[in-house]
N, C-alpha and C. Protein backbone atom coordinates (compact mmCIF):
# COMPACT_ATOMS: atom_id res chain seq x y z
N MET A 1 46.89 91.66 -43.88
CA MET A 1 48.14 91.76 -43.17
C MET A 1 48.55 90.36 -42.70
N SER A 2 49.76 89.97 -43.01
CA SER A 2 50.20 88.64 -42.60
C SER A 2 50.89 88.71 -41.24
N LEU A 3 50.87 87.60 -40.54
CA LEU A 3 51.48 87.50 -39.22
C LEU A 3 52.73 86.66 -39.32
N ASP A 4 53.82 87.15 -38.76
CA ASP A 4 55.08 86.42 -38.77
C ASP A 4 54.96 85.19 -37.87
N PRO A 5 55.11 83.99 -38.41
CA PRO A 5 54.95 82.78 -37.59
C PRO A 5 56.06 82.62 -36.56
N HIS A 6 57.17 83.37 -36.70
CA HIS A 6 58.29 83.23 -35.77
C HIS A 6 58.22 84.25 -34.63
N SER A 7 57.28 85.16 -34.68
CA SER A 7 57.18 86.15 -33.60
C SER A 7 56.42 85.56 -32.43
N ASP A 8 56.84 85.94 -31.24
CA ASP A 8 56.18 85.47 -30.02
C ASP A 8 55.32 86.61 -29.50
N THR A 9 54.03 86.49 -29.67
CA THR A 9 53.13 87.57 -29.30
C THR A 9 52.84 87.62 -27.81
N HIS A 10 53.35 86.64 -27.04
CA HIS A 10 53.08 86.59 -25.62
C HIS A 10 54.24 87.09 -24.77
N THR A 11 55.30 87.58 -25.38
CA THR A 11 56.45 88.05 -24.62
C THR A 11 56.25 89.48 -24.19
N PHE A 12 56.98 89.85 -23.16
CA PHE A 12 56.92 91.20 -22.62
C PHE A 12 58.00 92.04 -23.27
N GLY A 13 57.65 93.22 -23.70
CA GLY A 13 58.62 94.17 -24.21
C GLY A 13 58.58 95.40 -23.33
N PRO A 14 59.74 95.85 -22.80
CA PRO A 14 59.72 96.99 -21.89
C PRO A 14 59.10 98.23 -22.52
N GLU A 15 59.20 98.34 -23.83
CA GLU A 15 58.63 99.50 -24.51
C GLU A 15 57.11 99.40 -24.61
N ASP A 16 56.55 98.23 -24.34
CA ASP A 16 55.10 98.05 -24.40
C ASP A 16 54.38 98.70 -23.23
N GLY A 17 55.09 98.88 -22.13
CA GLY A 17 54.46 99.43 -20.94
C GLY A 17 53.60 98.41 -20.22
N ALA A 18 53.69 97.16 -20.62
CA ALA A 18 52.89 96.10 -20.00
C ALA A 18 53.61 95.58 -18.75
N GLN A 19 52.88 94.78 -17.97
CA GLN A 19 53.47 94.18 -16.79
C GLN A 19 54.49 93.14 -17.19
N GLN A 20 55.47 92.93 -16.30
CA GLN A 20 56.43 91.87 -16.54
C GLN A 20 55.74 90.53 -16.33
N PRO A 21 56.24 89.49 -16.98
CA PRO A 21 55.61 88.17 -16.85
C PRO A 21 55.75 87.62 -15.43
N VAL A 22 54.83 86.75 -15.09
CA VAL A 22 54.83 86.13 -13.77
C VAL A 22 55.84 84.98 -13.71
N ASP A 23 56.08 84.35 -14.83
CA ASP A 23 56.99 83.22 -14.89
C ASP A 23 58.41 83.67 -14.50
N PRO A 24 58.99 83.10 -13.42
CA PRO A 24 60.31 83.54 -12.96
C PRO A 24 61.41 83.31 -14.00
N LYS A 25 61.31 82.24 -14.77
CA LYS A 25 62.34 81.98 -15.78
C LYS A 25 62.31 83.04 -16.87
N LEU A 26 61.13 83.42 -17.29
CA LEU A 26 60.99 84.47 -18.30
C LEU A 26 61.49 85.80 -17.77
N ARG A 27 61.13 86.13 -16.55
CA ARG A 27 61.54 87.39 -15.94
C ARG A 27 63.07 87.43 -15.80
N GLU A 28 63.66 86.32 -15.37
CA GLU A 28 65.11 86.26 -15.21
C GLU A 28 65.82 86.45 -16.55
N ALA A 29 65.30 85.82 -17.59
CA ALA A 29 65.89 85.96 -18.93
C ALA A 29 65.79 87.40 -19.41
N GLN A 30 64.69 88.05 -19.14
CA GLN A 30 64.53 89.44 -19.57
C GLN A 30 65.42 90.39 -18.79
N GLU A 31 65.63 90.11 -17.50
CA GLU A 31 66.54 90.92 -16.70
C GLU A 31 67.97 90.75 -17.19
N LEU A 32 68.34 89.52 -17.55
CA LEU A 32 69.67 89.27 -18.10
C LEU A 32 69.85 90.02 -19.42
N GLU A 33 68.83 89.97 -20.27
CA GLU A 33 68.90 90.69 -21.54
C GLU A 33 69.05 92.19 -21.32
N ALA A 34 68.34 92.73 -20.35
CA ALA A 34 68.43 94.17 -20.05
C ALA A 34 69.84 94.52 -19.57
N ARG A 35 70.42 93.67 -18.70
CA ARG A 35 71.79 93.93 -18.23
C ARG A 35 72.78 93.87 -19.38
N MET A 36 72.61 92.90 -20.27
CA MET A 36 73.52 92.77 -21.41
C MET A 36 73.40 93.97 -22.34
N ARG A 37 72.18 94.44 -22.57
CA ARG A 37 71.99 95.62 -23.42
C ARG A 37 72.66 96.85 -22.82
N ARG A 38 72.58 97.01 -21.48
CA ARG A 38 73.24 98.15 -20.83
C ARG A 38 74.76 98.03 -20.95
N ALA A 39 75.28 96.80 -20.97
CA ALA A 39 76.73 96.60 -20.99
C ALA A 39 77.33 96.81 -22.38
N LEU A 40 76.51 96.73 -23.42
CA LEU A 40 77.04 96.90 -24.76
C LEU A 40 77.51 98.34 -24.98
N ALA A 41 78.63 98.47 -25.64
CA ALA A 41 79.17 99.79 -25.93
C ALA A 41 78.36 100.46 -27.03
N THR A 42 78.13 101.73 -26.87
CA THR A 42 77.46 102.52 -27.89
C THR A 42 78.29 103.77 -28.15
N LYS A 43 77.92 104.49 -29.16
CA LYS A 43 78.63 105.72 -29.47
C LYS A 43 78.52 106.70 -28.31
N GLU A 44 77.34 106.76 -27.69
CA GLU A 44 77.10 107.67 -26.58
C GLU A 44 77.73 107.18 -25.27
N ASP A 45 77.93 105.87 -25.14
CA ASP A 45 78.46 105.29 -23.91
C ASP A 45 79.53 104.24 -24.26
N PRO A 46 80.71 104.69 -24.71
CA PRO A 46 81.74 103.74 -25.14
C PRO A 46 82.38 103.02 -23.94
N LEU A 47 83.06 101.93 -24.24
CA LEU A 47 83.80 101.21 -23.21
C LEU A 47 84.95 102.08 -22.72
N HIS A 48 85.34 101.89 -21.45
CA HIS A 48 86.53 102.57 -20.94
C HIS A 48 87.76 101.96 -21.62
N ASP A 49 88.89 102.60 -21.52
CA ASP A 49 90.12 102.07 -22.12
C ASP A 49 90.41 100.66 -21.60
N ASP A 50 90.72 99.76 -22.50
CA ASP A 50 91.08 98.36 -22.17
C ASP A 50 90.00 97.65 -21.34
N GLU A 51 88.75 97.99 -21.54
CA GLU A 51 87.65 97.36 -20.80
C GLU A 51 86.89 96.42 -21.75
N SER A 52 86.62 95.21 -21.27
CA SER A 52 85.83 94.28 -22.06
C SER A 52 84.36 94.40 -21.65
N THR A 53 83.49 93.78 -22.43
CA THR A 53 82.07 93.83 -22.11
C THR A 53 81.80 93.13 -20.78
N SER A 54 82.49 92.01 -20.50
CA SER A 54 82.27 91.32 -19.23
C SER A 54 82.77 92.16 -18.06
N GLU A 55 83.88 92.90 -18.25
CA GLU A 55 84.34 93.80 -17.20
C GLU A 55 83.35 94.93 -16.97
N ARG A 56 82.77 95.40 -18.07
CA ARG A 56 81.77 96.47 -17.97
C ARG A 56 80.52 95.97 -17.22
N LEU A 57 80.11 94.72 -17.50
CA LEU A 57 78.98 94.13 -16.78
C LEU A 57 79.24 94.10 -15.28
N ARG A 58 80.45 93.68 -14.89
CA ARG A 58 80.80 93.63 -13.47
C ARG A 58 80.82 95.04 -12.88
N ARG A 59 81.35 96.01 -13.61
CA ARG A 59 81.41 97.39 -13.12
C ARG A 59 80.00 97.95 -12.93
N LEU A 60 79.12 97.72 -13.91
CA LEU A 60 77.75 98.20 -13.80
C LEU A 60 77.02 97.54 -12.63
N ALA A 61 77.29 96.25 -12.41
CA ALA A 61 76.66 95.53 -11.29
C ALA A 61 77.13 96.11 -9.96
N SER A 62 78.43 96.40 -9.85
CA SER A 62 78.92 96.95 -8.59
C SER A 62 78.42 98.37 -8.38
N GLU A 63 78.31 99.16 -9.45
CA GLU A 63 77.76 100.51 -9.33
C GLU A 63 76.29 100.46 -8.94
N GLY A 64 75.56 99.50 -9.48
CA GLY A 64 74.15 99.34 -9.14
C GLY A 64 73.99 98.92 -7.69
N ALA A 65 74.86 98.05 -7.21
CA ALA A 65 74.79 97.62 -5.82
C ALA A 65 75.10 98.78 -4.89
N ARG A 66 76.10 99.60 -5.26
CA ARG A 66 76.44 100.75 -4.43
C ARG A 66 75.30 101.77 -4.39
N SER A 67 74.66 102.00 -5.52
CA SER A 67 73.56 102.98 -5.53
C SER A 67 72.36 102.45 -4.75
N ALA A 68 72.14 101.13 -4.78
CA ALA A 68 71.05 100.55 -4.01
C ALA A 68 71.34 100.66 -2.51
N GLU A 69 72.61 100.47 -2.12
CA GLU A 69 72.98 100.60 -0.72
C GLU A 69 72.80 102.03 -0.25
N SER A 70 73.21 102.99 -1.06
CA SER A 70 73.08 104.39 -0.65
C SER A 70 71.62 104.81 -0.59
N ALA A 71 70.78 104.24 -1.43
CA ALA A 71 69.34 104.54 -1.38
C ALA A 71 68.71 103.97 -0.11
N ASP A 72 69.22 102.81 0.33
CA ASP A 72 68.72 102.21 1.58
C ASP A 72 69.14 103.01 2.79
N GLU A 73 70.33 103.63 2.73
CA GLU A 73 70.87 104.37 3.87
C GLU A 73 70.28 105.77 3.95
N ALA A 74 69.81 106.31 2.85
CA ALA A 74 69.29 107.67 2.83
C ALA A 74 67.99 107.75 3.64
N PRO A 75 67.90 108.70 4.55
CA PRO A 75 66.65 108.81 5.32
C PRO A 75 65.54 109.34 4.44
N SER A 76 64.37 108.75 4.60
CA SER A 76 63.24 109.21 3.80
C SER A 76 62.55 110.36 4.51
N GLN A 77 62.22 111.38 3.72
CA GLN A 77 61.58 112.56 4.30
C GLN A 77 60.13 112.59 3.85
N PRO A 78 59.19 112.86 4.77
CA PRO A 78 57.76 112.86 4.40
C PRO A 78 57.39 114.05 3.56
């Protein structure tokens, strides 16, 4: 079996179930990639009318911030 010389065997793949890397630059790049993947239109999740990918990124970020705020405000029950 040959090994692809261009593959990076030390990177983290979310599907691997492994821990995220400790290097902050690598982690930041992977978080950006994850946000971009969520923003891309798919058949199951198309763009809204007259919405660009950058507008969708902003909308997803604001929705994520709102859900994080509501999670912080929700009282935790034992």
